[in-house]
Amino acid sequence: MSSTAKASGRPFLGTLERAVLDVLWAGDAPLSGREVHTVLAVRRPLAYVTVTTVLGRLTEKGLVRQSREARAFRYTPLRSCGSIVADHMLQALDECDPGSRRAALVRFVDTISAEDAATILRLLGPSERSAA
């Protein structure tokens, strides 16, 4: 499955889509396609039309809101990085048969940091679950 495929209605992100979202998440206000392009072009050569195409795709996926301001469109992220990453993790697990799913979870638990494991344990505790 490609990195931009949609399974279970959850969008996967390509490298450029993620880079565009990183710029939007770092902004403190909606950004124009030109502003996103300016930030990204510092890191790598990129055509303006490529950035606007990616912004359009992110809008179609429901990850970005497009609004018109004067003659330009401005873009605002609709979901956090954490929300998107959680969806990727869930999708990967959903694509496994039960045995592989368990193996994936075991591997995940075996490889996360002690800090991440403590966070998960805290989140699974009764007080956190009842508050959520």
N, C-alpha and C. Protein backbone atom coordinates (compact mmCIF):
# COMPACT_ATOMS: atom_id res chain seq x y z
N MET A 1 0.86 -1.18 0.00
CA MET A 1 0.00 0.00 0.00
C MET A 1 0.90 1.23 0.00
N SER A 2 0.61 2.21 -0.83
CA SER A 2 1.43 3.41 -0.92
C SER A 2 1.21 4.30 0.27
N SER A 3 2.15 5.24 0.47
CA SER A 3 2.06 6.12 1.63
C SER A 3 0.90 7.10 1.54
N THR A 4 0.31 7.24 0.38
CA THR A 4 -0.82 8.16 0.25
C THR A 4 -2.16 7.43 0.15
N ALA A 5 -2.11 6.12 0.32
CA ALA A 5 -3.34 5.34 0.22
C ALA A 5 -4.25 5.64 1.41
N LYS A 6 -5.54 5.47 1.17
CA LYS A 6 -6.50 5.61 2.25
C LYS A 6 -7.14 4.26 2.48
N ALA A 7 -6.97 3.73 3.65
CA ALA A 7 -7.67 2.51 4.03
C ALA A 7 -8.43 2.84 5.30
N SER A 8 -9.55 2.25 5.47
CA SER A 8 -10.38 2.50 6.65
C SER A 8 -10.70 3.98 6.82
N GLY A 9 -10.62 4.75 5.74
CA GLY A 9 -10.96 6.16 5.81
C GLY A 9 -9.91 7.02 6.49
N ARG A 10 -8.77 6.46 6.81
CA ARG A 10 -7.72 7.22 7.49
C ARG A 10 -6.63 7.58 6.49
N PRO A 11 -6.33 8.85 6.34
CA PRO A 11 -5.35 9.24 5.33
C PRO A 11 -3.91 8.99 5.76
N PHE A 12 -3.13 8.43 4.87
CA PHE A 12 -1.69 8.34 5.07
C PHE A 12 -1.07 9.58 4.44
N LEU A 13 0.06 10.00 4.97
CA LEU A 13 0.73 11.18 4.46
C LEU A 13 2.01 10.82 3.73
N GLY A 14 2.23 11.50 2.61
CA GLY A 14 3.50 11.41 1.93
C GLY A 14 4.49 12.35 2.61
N THR A 15 5.74 12.27 2.24
CA THR A 15 6.80 13.09 2.83
C THR A 15 6.52 14.57 2.64
N LEU A 16 6.12 14.96 1.45
CA LEU A 16 5.85 16.37 1.18
C LEU A 16 4.59 16.85 1.91
N GLU A 17 3.58 15.99 1.97
CA GLU A 17 2.38 16.35 2.72
C GLU A 17 2.73 16.61 4.19
N ARG A 18 3.57 15.77 4.75
CA ARG A 18 3.98 15.94 6.14
C ARG A 18 4.77 17.23 6.31
N ALA A 19 5.66 17.54 5.36
CA ALA A 19 6.45 18.76 5.43
C ALA A 19 5.54 20.00 5.39
N VAL A 20 4.53 19.96 4.54
CA VAL A 20 3.58 21.07 4.44
C VAL A 20 2.81 21.22 5.75
N LEU A 21 2.35 20.11 6.30
CA LEU A 21 1.64 20.17 7.58
C LEU A 21 2.56 20.69 8.70
N ASP A 22 3.81 20.29 8.68
CA ASP A 22 4.76 20.79 9.70
C ASP A 22 4.83 22.31 9.66
N VAL A 23 4.85 22.88 8.46
CA VAL A 23 4.88 24.34 8.31
C VAL A 23 3.58 24.95 8.86
N LEU A 24 2.45 24.35 8.52
CA LEU A 24 1.17 24.87 9.00
C LEU A 24 1.06 24.76 10.52
N TRP A 25 1.52 23.64 11.09
CA TRP A 25 1.47 23.48 12.54
C TRP A 25 2.36 24.49 13.25
N ALA A 26 3.46 24.86 12.62
CA ALA A 26 4.38 25.82 13.24
C ALA A 26 3.86 27.26 13.15
N GLY A 27 2.94 27.51 12.23
CA GLY A 27 2.40 28.85 12.06
C GLY A 27 1.44 29.20 13.18
N ASP A 28 1.35 30.50 13.48
CA ASP A 28 0.43 30.93 14.53
C ASP A 28 -0.86 31.52 13.95
N ALA A 29 -0.98 31.43 12.64
CA ALA A 29 -2.18 31.91 11.94
C ALA A 29 -2.28 31.16 10.62
N PRO A 30 -3.44 31.20 9.96
CA PRO A 30 -3.53 30.56 8.64
C PRO A 30 -2.47 31.11 7.69
N LEU A 31 -1.91 30.23 6.86
CA LEU A 31 -0.84 30.62 5.94
C LEU A 31 -1.31 30.48 4.50
N SER A 32 -0.77 31.34 3.66
CA SER A 32 -1.05 31.24 2.22
C SER A 32 -0.14 30.18 1.60
N GLY A 33 -0.49 29.74 0.42
CA GLY A 33 0.36 28.81 -0.30
C GLY A 33 1.75 29.39 -0.52
N ARG A 34 1.80 30.69 -0.81
CA ARG A 34 3.09 31.36 -1.02
C ARG A 34 3.94 31.32 0.25
N GLU A 35 3.32 31.54 1.40
CA GLU A 35 4.06 31.51 2.67
C GLU A 35 4.58 30.11 2.97
N VAL A 36 3.77 29.10 2.72
CA VAL A 36 4.21 27.72 2.92
C VAL A 36 5.36 27.41 1.97
N HIS A 37 5.23 27.81 0.72
CA HIS A 37 6.29 27.59 -0.27
C HIS A 37 7.60 28.26 0.15
N THR A 38 7.52 29.48 0.63
CA THR A 38 8.72 30.21 1.05
C THR A 38 9.47 29.46 2.14
N VAL A 39 8.75 28.92 3.11
CA VAL A 39 9.39 28.16 4.19
C VAL A 39 10.02 26.88 3.66
N LEU A 40 9.28 26.15 2.84
CA LEU A 40 9.78 24.87 2.33
C LEU A 40 10.94 25.04 1.35
N ALA A 41 10.90 26.10 0.56
CA ALA A 41 11.93 26.32 -0.47
C ALA A 41 13.30 26.59 0.13
N VAL A 42 13.35 26.99 1.39
CA VAL A 42 14.63 27.19 2.06
C VAL A 42 15.34 25.85 2.25
N ARG A 43 14.56 24.80 2.47
CA ARG A 43 15.11 23.47 2.74
C ARG A 43 15.42 22.68 1.48
N ARG A 44 14.60 22.90 0.42
CA ARG A 44 14.81 22.13 -0.82
C ARG A 44 14.13 22.85 -1.98
N PRO A 45 14.66 22.66 -3.19
CA PRO A 45 14.03 23.30 -4.34
C PRO A 45 12.65 22.69 -4.58
N LEU A 46 11.67 23.56 -4.74
CA LEU A 46 10.30 23.11 -4.85
C LEU A 46 9.51 24.14 -5.61
N ALA A 47 8.72 23.70 -6.57
CA ALA A 47 7.89 24.63 -7.34
C ALA A 47 6.69 25.06 -6.50
N TYR A 48 6.28 26.30 -6.67
CA TYR A 48 5.12 26.84 -5.97
C TYR A 48 3.88 26.01 -6.27
N VAL A 49 3.70 25.63 -7.54
CA VAL A 49 2.51 24.86 -7.93
C VAL A 49 2.49 23.50 -7.23
N THR A 50 3.64 22.95 -6.94
CA THR A 50 3.70 21.68 -6.21
C THR A 50 3.13 21.86 -4.81
N VAL A 51 3.49 22.94 -4.16
CA VAL A 51 2.99 23.21 -2.81
C VAL A 51 1.49 23.42 -2.84
N THR A 52 0.99 24.18 -3.80
CA THR A 52 -0.46 24.41 -3.86
C THR A 52 -1.22 23.12 -4.17
N THR A 53 -0.62 22.25 -4.98
CA THR A 53 -1.24 20.96 -5.26
C THR A 53 -1.33 20.13 -3.98
N VAL A 54 -0.27 20.10 -3.20
CA VAL A 54 -0.26 19.36 -1.94
C VAL A 54 -1.28 19.95 -0.97
N LEU A 55 -1.36 21.27 -0.90
CA LEU A 55 -2.35 21.90 -0.04
C LEU A 55 -3.77 21.52 -0.46
N GLY A 56 -4.01 21.43 -1.76
CA GLY A 56 -5.31 21.00 -2.26
C GLY A 56 -5.62 19.56 -1.86
N ARG A 57 -4.63 18.70 -1.94
CA ARG A 57 -4.84 17.30 -1.56
C ARG A 57 -5.11 17.17 -0.06
N LEU A 58 -4.38 17.95 0.73
CA LEU A 58 -4.61 17.92 2.18
C LEU A 58 -6.00 18.44 2.52
N THR A 59 -6.48 19.41 1.73
CA THR A 59 -7.84 19.92 1.92
C THR A 59 -8.85 18.82 1.58
N GLU A 60 -8.63 18.11 0.47
CA GLU A 60 -9.53 17.02 0.07
C GLU A 60 -9.56 15.91 1.10
N LYS A 61 -8.44 15.66 1.76
CA LYS A 61 -8.36 14.62 2.79
C LYS A 61 -8.98 15.07 4.11
N GLY A 62 -9.36 16.33 4.20
CA GLY A 62 -9.96 16.83 5.43
C GLY A 62 -8.95 17.16 6.51
N LEU A 63 -7.71 17.33 6.13
CA LEU A 63 -6.66 17.62 7.11
C LEU A 63 -6.38 19.11 7.21
N VAL A 64 -6.80 19.87 6.20
CA VAL A 64 -6.54 21.31 6.13
C VAL A 64 -7.82 22.01 5.70
N ARG A 65 -8.06 23.19 6.26
CA ARG A 65 -9.19 24.01 5.82
C ARG A 65 -8.63 25.13 4.94
N GLN A 66 -9.28 25.32 3.81
CA GLN A 66 -8.91 26.38 2.87
C GLN A 66 -9.94 27.51 3.00
N SER A 67 -9.43 28.73 3.19
CA SER A 67 -10.34 29.88 3.25
C SER A 67 -9.77 30.99 2.38
N ARG A 68 -10.67 31.76 1.79
CA ARG A 68 -10.23 32.84 0.91
C ARG A 68 -10.04 34.11 1.71
N GLU A 69 -8.90 34.75 1.47
CA GLU A 69 -8.62 36.06 2.06
C GLU A 69 -8.11 36.95 0.93
N ALA A 70 -8.91 37.92 0.57
CA ALA A 70 -8.60 38.78 -0.58
C ALA A 70 -8.47 37.89 -1.82
N ARG A 71 -7.30 37.91 -2.47
CA ARG A 71 -7.12 37.11 -3.68
C ARG A 71 -6.41 35.79 -3.43
N ALA A 72 -6.06 35.53 -2.19
CA ALA A 72 -5.29 34.32 -1.88
C ALA A 72 -6.09 33.37 -1.00
N PHE A 73 -5.76 32.10 -1.12
CA PHE A 73 -6.30 31.12 -0.19
C PHE A 73 -5.34 31.03 0.99
N ARG A 74 -5.90 30.82 2.17
CA ARG A 74 -5.11 30.61 3.37
C ARG A 74 -5.48 29.24 3.91
N TYR A 75 -4.53 28.60 4.56
CA TYR A 75 -4.71 27.22 4.99
C TYR A 75 -4.46 27.07 6.49
N THR A 76 -5.33 26.28 7.11
CA THR A 76 -5.25 26.01 8.54
C THR A 76 -5.32 24.50 8.76
N PRO A 77 -4.42 23.94 9.56
CA PRO A 77 -4.53 22.51 9.83
C PRO A 77 -5.76 22.23 10.69
N LEU A 78 -6.46 21.14 10.38
CA LEU A 78 -7.66 20.77 11.13
C LEU A 78 -7.39 19.69 12.17
N ARG A 79 -6.27 19.00 12.03
CA ARG A 79 -5.93 17.93 12.98
C ARG A 79 -4.50 18.10 13.45
N SER A 80 -4.25 17.63 14.65
CA SER A 80 -2.91 17.70 15.21
C SER A 80 -2.05 16.56 14.66
N CYS A 81 -0.76 16.73 14.82
CA CYS A 81 0.18 15.67 14.43
C CYS A 81 -0.14 14.39 15.19
N GLY A 82 -0.38 14.51 16.48
CA GLY A 82 -0.67 13.34 17.31
C GLY A 82 -1.89 12.58 16.83
N SER A 83 -2.91 13.28 16.42
CA SER A 83 -4.13 12.66 15.92
C SER A 83 -3.86 11.87 14.64
N ILE A 84 -3.08 12.44 13.76
CA ILE A 84 -2.76 11.78 12.49
C ILE A 84 -1.87 10.56 12.73
N VAL A 85 -0.88 10.70 13.60
CA VAL A 85 0.01 9.57 13.90
C VAL A 85 -0.77 8.43 14.54
N ALA A 86 -1.68 8.75 15.46
CA ALA A 86 -2.50 7.72 16.09
C ALA A 86 -3.32 6.97 15.04
N ASP A 87 -3.86 7.69 14.07
CA ASP A 87 -4.62 7.05 13.00
C ASP A 87 -3.73 6.11 12.18
N HIS A 88 -2.49 6.53 11.92
CA HIS A 88 -1.56 5.67 11.18
C HIS A 88 -1.30 4.38 11.96
N MET A 89 -1.10 4.53 13.25
CA MET A 89 -0.83 3.36 14.09
C MET A 89 -2.02 2.41 14.09
N LEU A 90 -3.21 2.96 14.26
CA LEU A 90 -4.42 2.14 14.26
C LEU A 90 -4.64 1.46 12.91
N GLN A 91 -4.39 2.17 11.84
CA GLN A 91 -4.56 1.58 10.51
C GLN A 91 -3.59 0.42 10.32
N ALA A 92 -2.35 0.61 10.72
CA ALA A 92 -1.37 -0.46 10.58
C ALA A 92 -1.81 -1.70 11.37
N LEU A 93 -2.31 -1.49 12.58
CA LEU A 93 -2.80 -2.62 13.38
C LEU A 93 -4.03 -3.27 12.75
N ASP A 94 -4.93 -2.45 12.22
CA ASP A 94 -6.15 -2.97 11.60
C ASP A 94 -5.85 -3.84 10.37
N GLU A 95 -4.72 -3.62 9.74
CA GLU A 95 -4.37 -4.37 8.54
C GLU A 95 -3.73 -5.72 8.85
N CYS A 96 -3.49 -5.99 10.14
CA CYS A 96 -2.86 -7.25 10.56
C CYS A 96 -3.90 -8.28 10.94
N ASP A 97 -3.55 -9.54 10.72
CA ASP A 97 -4.37 -10.61 11.28
C ASP A 97 -4.12 -10.62 12.79
N PRO A 98 -4.97 -11.29 13.58
CA PRO A 98 -4.83 -11.22 15.04
C PRO A 98 -3.44 -11.60 15.57
N GLY A 99 -2.83 -12.63 15.02
CA GLY A 99 -1.49 -13.03 15.48
C GLY A 99 -0.45 -11.97 15.18
N SER A 100 -0.51 -11.40 13.98
CA SER A 100 0.45 -10.36 13.61
C SER A 100 0.19 -9.09 14.40
N ARG A 101 -1.06 -8.81 14.68
CA ARG A 101 -1.41 -7.63 15.48
C ARG A 101 -0.75 -7.72 16.85
N ARG A 102 -0.89 -8.90 17.49
CA ARG A 102 -0.28 -9.08 18.80
C ARG A 102 1.23 -8.95 18.70
N ALA A 103 1.84 -9.55 17.68
CA ALA A 103 3.30 -9.47 17.50
C ALA A 103 3.73 -8.02 17.30
N ALA A 104 2.94 -7.25 16.55
CA ALA A 104 3.27 -5.84 16.32
C ALA A 104 3.21 -5.06 17.64
N LEU A 105 2.18 -5.34 18.44
CA LEU A 105 2.07 -4.65 19.73
C LEU A 105 3.22 -5.02 20.66
N VAL A 106 3.61 -6.30 20.68
CA VAL A 106 4.73 -6.73 21.50
C VAL A 106 6.00 -6.02 21.05
N ARG A 107 6.23 -5.98 19.75
CA ARG A 107 7.43 -5.30 19.21
C ARG A 107 7.41 -3.82 19.57
N PHE A 108 6.25 -3.20 19.45
CA PHE A 108 6.12 -1.78 19.78
C PHE A 108 6.48 -1.55 21.25
N VAL A 109 5.89 -2.34 22.12
CA VAL A 109 6.14 -2.18 23.56
C VAL A 109 7.61 -2.45 23.89
N ASP A 110 8.21 -3.41 23.21
CA ASP A 110 9.62 -3.74 23.46
C ASP A 110 10.58 -2.65 22.98
N THR A 111 10.15 -1.81 22.06
CA THR A 111 11.07 -0.84 21.48
C THR A 111 10.83 0.61 21.89
N ILE A 112 9.73 0.90 22.58
CA ILE A 112 9.49 2.29 22.97
C ILE A 112 10.36 2.65 24.17
N SER A 113 10.54 3.93 24.36
CA SER A 113 11.36 4.40 25.48
C SER A 113 10.63 4.17 26.80
N ALA A 114 11.39 4.21 27.88
CA ALA A 114 10.80 4.05 29.21
C ALA A 114 9.81 5.18 29.47
N GLU A 115 10.11 6.36 28.98
CA GLU A 115 9.21 7.51 29.15
C GLU A 115 7.88 7.27 28.42
N ASP A 116 7.95 6.77 27.20
CA ASP A 116 6.72 6.47 26.45
C ASP A 116 5.93 5.36 27.12
N ALA A 117 6.63 4.33 27.62
CA ALA A 117 5.94 3.24 28.31
C ALA A 117 5.24 3.76 29.56
N ALA A 118 5.88 4.64 30.30
CA ALA A 118 5.26 5.22 31.50
C ALA A 118 4.03 6.03 31.13
N THR A 119 4.10 6.76 30.02
CA THR A 119 2.95 7.53 29.56
C THR A 119 1.79 6.61 29.22
N ILE A 120 2.06 5.53 28.51
CA ILE A 120 1.01 4.58 28.14
C ILE A 120 0.40 3.96 29.39
N LEU A 121 1.23 3.55 30.33
CA LEU A 121 0.71 2.96 31.56
C LEU A 121 -0.16 3.95 32.32
N ARG A 122 0.27 5.19 32.36
CA ARG A 122 -0.53 6.23 33.02
C ARG A 122 -1.87 6.40 32.31
N LEU A 123 -1.85 6.40 30.99
CA LEU A 123 -3.08 6.56 30.22
C LEU A 123 -4.02 5.36 30.37
N LEU A 124 -3.47 4.19 30.58
CA LEU A 124 -4.30 3.00 30.74
C LEU A 124 -4.82 2.83 32.16
N GLY A 125 -4.32 3.64 33.09
CA GLY A 125 -4.77 3.55 34.47
C GLY A 125 -6.22 3.95 34.60
N PRO A 126 -6.90 3.46 35.64
CA PRO A 126 -8.34 3.69 35.79
C PRO A 126 -8.73 5.17 35.88
N SER A 127 -7.92 5.99 36.52
CA SER A 127 -8.31 7.40 36.67
C SER A 127 -8.27 8.13 35.34
N GLU A 128 -7.31 7.83 34.50
CA GLU A 128 -7.20 8.48 33.19
C GLU A 128 -8.33 8.05 32.25
N ARG A 129 -8.64 6.75 32.24
CA ARG A 129 -9.67 6.24 31.33
C ARG A 129 -11.05 6.77 31.69
N SER A 130 -11.34 6.87 32.97
CA SER A 130 -12.65 7.35 33.37
C SER A 130 -12.79 8.84 33.10
N ALA A 131 -11.66 9.57 33.11
CA ALA A 131 -11.69 11.01 32.83
C ALA A 131 -11.84 11.28 31.34
N ALA A 132 -11.40 10.33 30.50
CA ALA A 132 -11.46 10.51 29.05
C ALA A 132 -12.79 10.20 28.54
